């Protein structure tokens, strides 16, 4: 009965998804007035932040700002992100079958003696709720289900989802602000790596550079700067094969400007 209900829910969600038209090359719809005004505020505050940082910030700092800056970042505002009314969806939002399949492996790990599950970036909380339900049915609940969530808005949505769907298991759930130094447990994450701020480095003609962001007039641009010694340089040297050749032809050091129409080359300097 439960499987039939899950399949019905999946079919219902798929039915509401518009079919892609390969001949439709229209640009995405323009943001509404509220979204456009918010975008202008983000750009204005970002400009001040970059100016206060000397006119250039590394890419990971830029990514952290536009995604998580309090009251400004994409994941730090109240607009709905997931589901039919949001910007995108993920498998756990469409059906509990995803969590049920995952629970088989999670339960196997828990049986080996692990007592904690840590989910990184739990979105709306749908995966956590469905996974706890599935593990409860298998009688292999973790003693603690920890959620690492840096977005206050998403954290609150997760609390609401779990309180509505698994109120009897809510006492097992805790929220983390950062990864613990040591983890003894099972780590779960779904479509979260693309939302983790990362550094960008390049080796060009044997020299190391870090890619960052600055303003060139009214536009944002990617600009490379020499990468000094330090942890990032050490990590880059460890990760990149020493014999790999990255030439100016294969990895051009061009500045790129970002605006609503996409990426464009620009020769302008940081302003």
Protein backbone atom coordinates (compact mmCIF):
# COMPACT_ATOMS: atom_id res chain seq x y z
CA UNK A 1 0.00 0.00 0.00
CA UNK A 2 2.81 2.37 0.92
CA UNK A 3 4.65 1.67 -2.36
CA UNK A 4 1.48 2.35 -4.38
CA UNK A 5 0.99 5.65 -2.58
CA UNK A 6 4.61 6.60 -3.26
CA UNK A 7 4.25 5.78 -6.94
CA UNK A 8 1.05 7.80 -7.13
CA UNK A 9 2.81 10.78 -5.54
CA UNK A 10 5.66 10.48 -8.04
CA UNK A 11 3.28 10.34 -11.00
CA UNK A 12 1.43 13.36 -9.67
CA UNK A 13 4.61 15.39 -9.34
CA UNK A 14 5.80 14.42 -12.80
CA UNK A 15 2.44 15.34 -14.27
CA UNK A 16 2.87 18.91 -13.06
CA UNK A 17 6.28 19.28 -14.67
CA UNK A 18 6.20 21.05 -18.05
CA UNK A 19 7.55 18.99 -20.93
CA UNK A 20 10.73 20.40 -22.44
CA UNK A 21 10.40 21.70 -25.99
CA UNK A 22 13.74 21.29 -27.82
CA UNK A 23 12.70 23.99 -30.32
CA UNK A 24 12.01 26.53 -27.56
CA UNK A 25 15.12 28.71 -27.25
CA UNK A 26 13.49 31.52 -25.33
CA UNK A 27 15.52 33.19 -22.61
CA UNK A 28 14.45 32.68 -18.98
CA UNK A 29 11.65 34.94 -17.83
CA UNK A 30 12.76 38.29 -16.48
CA UNK A 31 12.62 38.59 -12.68
CA UNK A 32 9.58 40.27 -11.20
CA UNK A 33 9.83 43.70 -9.59
CA UNK A 34 10.52 42.31 -6.10
CA UNK A 35 13.25 39.96 -7.32
CA UNK A 36 14.79 42.69 -9.48
CA UNK A 37 14.88 45.13 -6.57
CA UNK A 38 16.46 42.49 -4.35
CA UNK A 39 19.07 41.81 -7.03
CA UNK A 40 19.96 45.49 -7.12
CA UNK A 41 20.44 45.50 -3.34
CA UNK A 42 22.70 42.45 -3.53
CA UNK A 43 24.86 44.09 -6.21
CA UNK A 44 25.07 47.34 -4.26
CA UNK A 45 26.17 45.67 -1.03
CA UNK A 46 28.53 43.37 -2.92
CA UNK A 47 30.14 46.40 -4.56
CA UNK A 48 30.74 47.94 -1.14
CA UNK A 49 32.15 44.67 0.17
CA UNK A 50 34.56 44.30 -2.75
CA UNK A 51 35.64 47.94 -2.45
CA UNK A 52 36.32 47.49 1.27
CA UNK A 53 38.44 44.44 0.41
CA UNK A 54 40.72 46.38 -1.91
CA UNK A 55 38.72 45.98 -5.13
CA UNK A 56 39.06 42.19 -5.47
CA UNK A 57 37.84 39.14 -3.55
CA UNK A 58 38.63 35.44 -4.12
CA UNK A 59 35.93 33.39 -5.80
CA UNK A 60 35.04 31.39 -2.68
CA UNK A 61 34.30 34.61 -0.82
CA UNK A 62 32.16 35.84 -3.70
CA UNK A 63 30.23 32.55 -3.80
CA UNK A 64 29.71 32.61 -0.04
CA UNK A 65 28.36 36.17 -0.24
CA UNK A 66 25.85 35.64 -3.05
CA UNK A 67 24.57 32.39 -1.58
CA UNK A 68 24.64 32.96 2.17
CA UNK A 69 25.02 36.64 3.11
CA UNK A 70 22.35 37.27 5.80
CA UNK A 71 19.23 38.76 4.25
CA UNK A 72 20.85 38.93 0.80
CA UNK A 73 22.21 35.55 -0.31
CA UNK A 74 20.17 33.17 -2.42
CA UNK A 75 19.79 30.63 0.38
CA UNK A 76 19.45 33.27 3.11
CA UNK A 77 16.24 34.95 1.95
CA UNK A 78 12.63 33.91 2.36
CA UNK A 79 11.85 33.13 -1.28
CA UNK A 80 10.97 29.48 -1.84
CA UNK A 81 13.75 27.58 -3.63
CA UNK A 82 12.58 23.95 -3.81
CA UNK A 83 9.48 22.29 -5.19
CA UNK A 84 6.83 23.25 -7.77
CA UNK A 85 6.66 26.84 -6.47
CA UNK A 86 10.45 27.23 -6.34
CA UNK A 87 13.35 27.57 -8.75
CA UNK A 88 14.26 23.89 -8.93
CA UNK A 89 13.48 20.51 -7.43
CA UNK A 90 15.38 17.41 -6.34
CA UNK A 91 14.48 13.73 -6.15
CA UNK A 92 13.55 13.79 -2.40
CA UNK A 93 11.07 16.59 -3.12
CA UNK A 94 9.29 14.44 -5.70
CA UNK A 95 8.90 11.11 -3.97
CA UNK A 96 9.82 9.23 -0.75
CA UNK A 97 11.11 6.39 -2.94
CA UNK A 98 14.51 8.11 -3.04
CA UNK A 99 14.85 8.01 0.75
CA UNK A 100 13.46 4.48 0.92
CA UNK A 101 16.14 3.25 -1.47
CA UNK A 102 18.84 5.15 0.41
CA UNK A 103 17.60 3.79 3.74
CA UNK A 104 18.62 0.27 2.77
CA UNK A 105 22.28 1.28 2.63
CA UNK A 106 22.02 3.61 5.63
CA UNK A 107 20.51 0.84 7.76
CA UNK A 108 23.33 -1.51 6.73
CA UNK A 109 25.89 1.02 7.97
CA UNK A 110 23.98 1.59 11.20
CA UNK A 111 23.96 -2.15 11.84
CA UNK A 112 27.75 -2.10 11.74
CA UNK A 113 27.78 -0.05 14.94
CA UNK A 114 27.41 3.54 13.75
CA UNK A 115 24.87 5.53 15.77
CA UNK A 116 24.79 8.90 14.01
CA UNK A 117 23.74 10.20 10.61
CA UNK A 118 24.93 13.64 9.46
CA UNK A 119 23.18 15.26 6.52
CA UNK A 120 24.90 18.16 4.80
CA UNK A 121 22.54 20.81 3.47
CA UNK A 122 19.11 19.27 4.08
CA UNK A 123 17.12 21.60 1.84
CA UNK A 124 13.46 21.59 2.86
CA UNK A 125 13.99 18.65 5.22
CA UNK A 126 12.12 16.24 2.93
CA UNK A 127 14.98 13.74 2.66
CA UNK A 128 15.58 13.78 6.43
CA UNK A 129 11.90 13.18 7.15
CA UNK A 130 11.48 10.39 4.61
CA UNK A 131 14.75 8.75 5.61
CA UNK A 132 13.79 8.71 9.29
CA UNK A 133 10.41 7.21 8.40
CA UNK A 134 12.07 4.49 6.32
CA UNK A 135 14.67 3.72 8.99
CA UNK A 136 11.97 3.60 11.64
CA UNK A 137 10.11 1.02 9.54
CA UNK A 138 13.30 -1.06 9.43
CA UNK A 139 13.80 -0.57 13.20
CA UNK A 140 17.26 0.90 12.66
CA UNK A 141 16.92 4.52 13.70
CA UNK A 142 20.12 6.43 14.47
CA UNK A 143 20.49 7.76 18.00
CA UNK A 144 21.16 11.17 16.47
CA UNK A 145 20.33 12.70 13.09
CA UNK A 146 22.48 15.82 12.72
CA UNK A 147 21.87 18.41 10.00
CA UNK A 148 24.58 20.83 8.99
CA UNK A 149 22.74 23.89 7.69
CA UNK A 150 24.23 27.38 7.43
CA UNK A 151 21.05 29.00 6.10
CA UNK A 152 18.79 30.19 8.91
CA UNK A 153 15.83 30.27 6.52
CA UNK A 154 16.29 26.67 5.38
CA UNK A 155 16.97 25.53 8.93
CA UNK A 156 13.58 26.86 9.99
CA UNK A 157 11.88 25.17 7.03
CA UNK A 158 13.53 21.90 8.00
CA UNK A 159 12.22 22.22 11.55
CA UNK A 160 8.70 22.77 10.23
CA UNK A 161 8.91 19.82 7.82
CA UNK A 162 10.21 17.44 10.47
CA UNK A 163 7.73 18.65 13.09
CA UNK A 164 4.85 18.02 10.68
CA UNK A 165 5.97 14.68 9.29
CA UNK A 166 7.95 12.97 12.06
CA UNK A 167 7.06 14.74 15.33
CA UNK A 168 7.75 11.55 17.32
CA UNK A 169 11.34 11.50 16.03
CA UNK A 170 12.14 15.19 16.34
CA UNK A 171 14.07 14.68 19.57
CA UNK A 172 16.69 12.74 17.63
CA UNK A 173 17.41 15.67 15.29
CA UNK A 174 20.01 18.36 16.00
CA UNK A 175 21.39 21.17 13.86
CA UNK A 176 25.07 21.97 13.40
CA UNK A 177 26.65 25.29 12.43
CA UNK A 178 29.87 23.71 11.15
CA UNK A 179 31.38 20.31 10.50
CA UNK A 180 32.83 18.75 13.65
CA UNK A 181 36.58 18.15 13.65
CA UNK A 182 35.97 14.41 13.86
CA UNK A 183 33.02 12.48 12.48
CA UNK A 184 31.99 9.07 13.74
CA UNK A 185 28.94 8.31 11.72
CA UNK A 186 27.41 8.21 8.27
CA UNK A 187 27.46 11.34 6.10
CA UNK A 188 24.55 11.89 3.70
CA UNK A 189 24.18 14.65 1.15
CA UNK A 190 22.14 15.15 -1.99
CA UNK A 191 22.87 17.82 -4.60
CA UNK A 192 24.81 19.96 -2.13
CA UNK A 193 28.38 20.11 -3.47
CA UNK A 194 27.42 22.78 -6.00
CA UNK A 195 26.33 25.04 -3.13
CA UNK A 196 29.59 24.81 -1.17
CA UNK A 197 31.87 27.85 -1.73
CA UNK A 198 35.08 26.78 -3.43
CA UNK A 199 38.38 28.31 -4.47
CA UNK A 200 39.37 28.50 -8.12
CA UNK A 201 43.03 28.14 -9.05
CA UNK A 202 44.88 27.85 -12.33
CA UNK A 203 48.41 26.95 -13.35
CA UNK A 204 49.40 28.93 -16.42
CA UNK A 205 52.84 28.52 -17.97
CA UNK A 206 54.07 27.03 -14.70
CA UNK A 207 52.78 29.88 -12.50
CA UNK A 208 49.93 29.56 -10.00
CA UNK A 209 46.98 31.96 -9.94
CA UNK A 210 43.82 32.33 -7.88
CA UNK A 211 40.67 33.42 -9.63
CA UNK A 212 38.64 36.15 -7.99
CA UNK A 213 35.92 38.69 -8.67
CA UNK A 214 35.99 42.46 -9.07
CA UNK A 215 33.92 45.18 -10.70
CA UNK A 216 34.83 46.57 -14.11
CA UNK A 217 32.62 49.59 -14.34
CA UNK A 218 29.08 48.34 -13.74
CA UNK A 219 29.88 44.69 -14.39
CA UNK A 220 31.40 41.88 -12.38
CA UNK A 221 34.47 40.21 -13.81
CA UNK A 222 36.67 37.18 -13.14
CA UNK A 223 40.27 38.27 -12.62
CA UNK A 224 43.29 36.08 -11.81
CA UNK A 225 45.94 37.10 -9.30
CA UNK A 226 49.22 35.35 -8.44
CA UNK A 227 48.68 32.69 -5.79
CA UNK A 228 51.17 33.11 -2.93
CA UNK A 229 52.41 30.32 -0.70
CA UNK A 230 49.96 29.00 1.88
CA UNK A 231 47.43 26.20 2.43
CA UNK A 232 45.61 26.79 -0.88
CA UNK A 233 48.86 26.75 -2.84
CA UNK A 234 49.97 23.56 -1.09
CA UNK A 235 46.62 21.90 -1.79
CA UNK A 236 46.71 22.97 -5.44
CA UNK A 237 50.20 21.57 -5.90
CA UNK A 238 49.07 18.28 -4.36
CA UNK A 239 45.93 18.01 -6.48
CA UNK A 240 47.30 19.06 -9.87
CA UNK A 241 49.55 16.52 -11.62
CA UNK A 242 53.04 18.00 -11.77
CA UNK A 243 53.49 17.04 -15.41
CA UNK A 244 50.16 18.46 -16.55
CA UNK A 245 50.58 21.33 -18.97
CA UNK A 246 48.17 24.23 -18.78
CA UNK A 247 49.12 26.80 -21.37
CA UNK A 248 47.72 30.21 -22.05
CA UNK A 249 46.09 28.68 -25.13
CA UNK A 250 44.31 25.85 -23.22
CA UNK A 251 43.42 27.99 -20.20
CA UNK A 252 43.31 31.62 -21.36
CA UNK A 253 43.73 34.28 -18.69
CA UNK A 254 40.83 36.33 -19.88
CA UNK A 255 38.72 38.52 -17.68
CA UNK A 256 35.07 37.60 -17.81
CA UNK A 257 32.22 39.91 -16.98
CA UNK A 258 29.00 38.56 -15.52
CA UNK A 259 25.60 40.07 -16.10
CA UNK A 260 22.06 38.86 -16.61
CA UNK A 261 22.74 37.98 -20.24
CA UNK A 262 25.60 35.62 -19.37
CA UNK A 263 29.39 35.61 -19.51
CA UNK A 264 31.24 38.02 -21.79
CA UNK A 265 34.89 38.72 -22.39
CA UNK A 266 36.14 42.10 -21.28
CA UNK A 267 39.52 43.77 -21.26
CA UNK A 268 38.53 46.32 -18.63
CA UNK A 269 40.50 46.59 -15.41
CA UNK A 270 39.10 46.31 -11.93
CA UNK A 271 37.56 49.58 -10.85
